[in-house]
Every structure is written in C-alpha cells, then in structure tokens.
Amino acid sequence: MKVILLLIVISLILAIFFLGAFFWAVRDGQYDDEYTPGMRILLDDDMIDNKNNTN
C-alpha cells in the first residue's frame, strides 16, 4: 500500500513539473507563430533560392 501512495505522489510531482514546463513555454513564446509553418509548405524552394542568390 505504501508503494502505491509513493507512486501516486511521484506521478503528481511529475505532472506538476510538466504542467509548469508547458506554461513556461507558452509564456516564453514557443507557440506564437501560427501562420508561417502552415504556409511554408506552399512556398517554392527554387524561388526562395533564386532570391538569395541574386546580386
């Protein structure tokens, strides 16, 4: 019975830790860019390379 209580306490501590890490990431701005990743697949790679290589 003591082992089950110990495992519950440890799992609650880990859950609180990961919840805190998630809120830290949100506050730090990890999930701010919602537009670019979805549109990046639509861009032509050759067009991007040509813009960078023109002098």
Protein backbone atom coordinates (compact mmCIF):
# COMPACT_ATOMS: atom_id res chain seq x y z
CA MET A 1 0.00 0.00 0.00
CA LYS A 2 2.87 2.36 0.77
CA VAL A 3 4.32 1.75 -2.68
CA ILE A 4 1.06 2.80 -4.36
CA LEU A 5 0.95 6.02 -2.35
CA LEU A 6 4.59 6.71 -3.21
CA LEU A 7 3.89 6.19 -6.91
CA ILE A 8 0.87 8.50 -6.77
CA VAL A 9 2.92 11.23 -5.09
CA ILE A 10 5.73 10.86 -7.61
CA SER A 11 3.31 10.96 -10.54
CA LEU A 12 1.64 14.10 -9.17
CA ILE A 13 5.01 15.79 -8.78
CA LEU A 14 5.93 14.89 -12.37
CA ALA A 15 2.57 16.11 -13.65
CA ILE A 16 3.01 19.44 -11.88
CA PHE A 17 6.53 19.73 -13.28
CA PHE A 18 5.38 19.12 -16.88
CA LEU A 19 2.43 21.47 -16.46
CA GLY A 20 4.82 24.16 -15.24
CA ALA A 21 7.13 23.50 -18.20
CA PHE A 22 4.18 23.85 -20.57
CA PHE A 23 3.09 27.17 -19.08
CA TRP A 24 6.70 28.38 -19.15
CA ALA A 25 6.93 27.52 -22.87
CA VAL A 26 3.66 29.31 -23.61
CA ARG A 27 4.73 32.39 -21.66
CA ASP A 28 8.15 32.33 -23.35
CA GLY A 29 6.53 32.48 -26.79
CA GLN A 30 7.17 28.99 -28.15
CA TYR A 31 3.73 28.79 -29.72
CA ASP A 32 3.36 32.33 -31.05
CA ASP A 33 3.98 31.72 -34.77
CA GLU A 34 0.85 30.07 -36.11
CA TYR A 35 0.91 31.32 -39.71
CA THR A 36 4.37 30.58 -41.10
CA PRO A 37 4.65 26.79 -40.55
CA GLY A 38 1.36 26.17 -42.31
CA MET A 39 2.28 28.35 -45.27
CA ARG A 40 5.92 27.24 -45.59
CA ILE A 41 4.92 24.06 -47.45
CA LEU A 42 3.24 26.17 -50.13
CA LEU A 43 6.38 28.18 -50.95
CA ASP A 44 8.54 27.10 -53.88
CA ASP A 45 12.07 26.22 -52.78
CA ASP A 46 13.58 27.30 -56.13
CA MET A 47 12.04 30.75 -55.83
CA ILE A 48 13.49 31.18 -52.36
CA ASP A 49 16.96 30.08 -53.54
CA ASN A 50 16.87 32.46 -56.52
CA LYS A 51 16.05 35.43 -54.31
CA ASN A 52 19.01 34.68 -52.07
CA ASN A 53 21.47 34.17 -54.96
CA THR A 54 20.72 37.31 -57.00
CA ASN A 55 23.34 40.04 -56.79
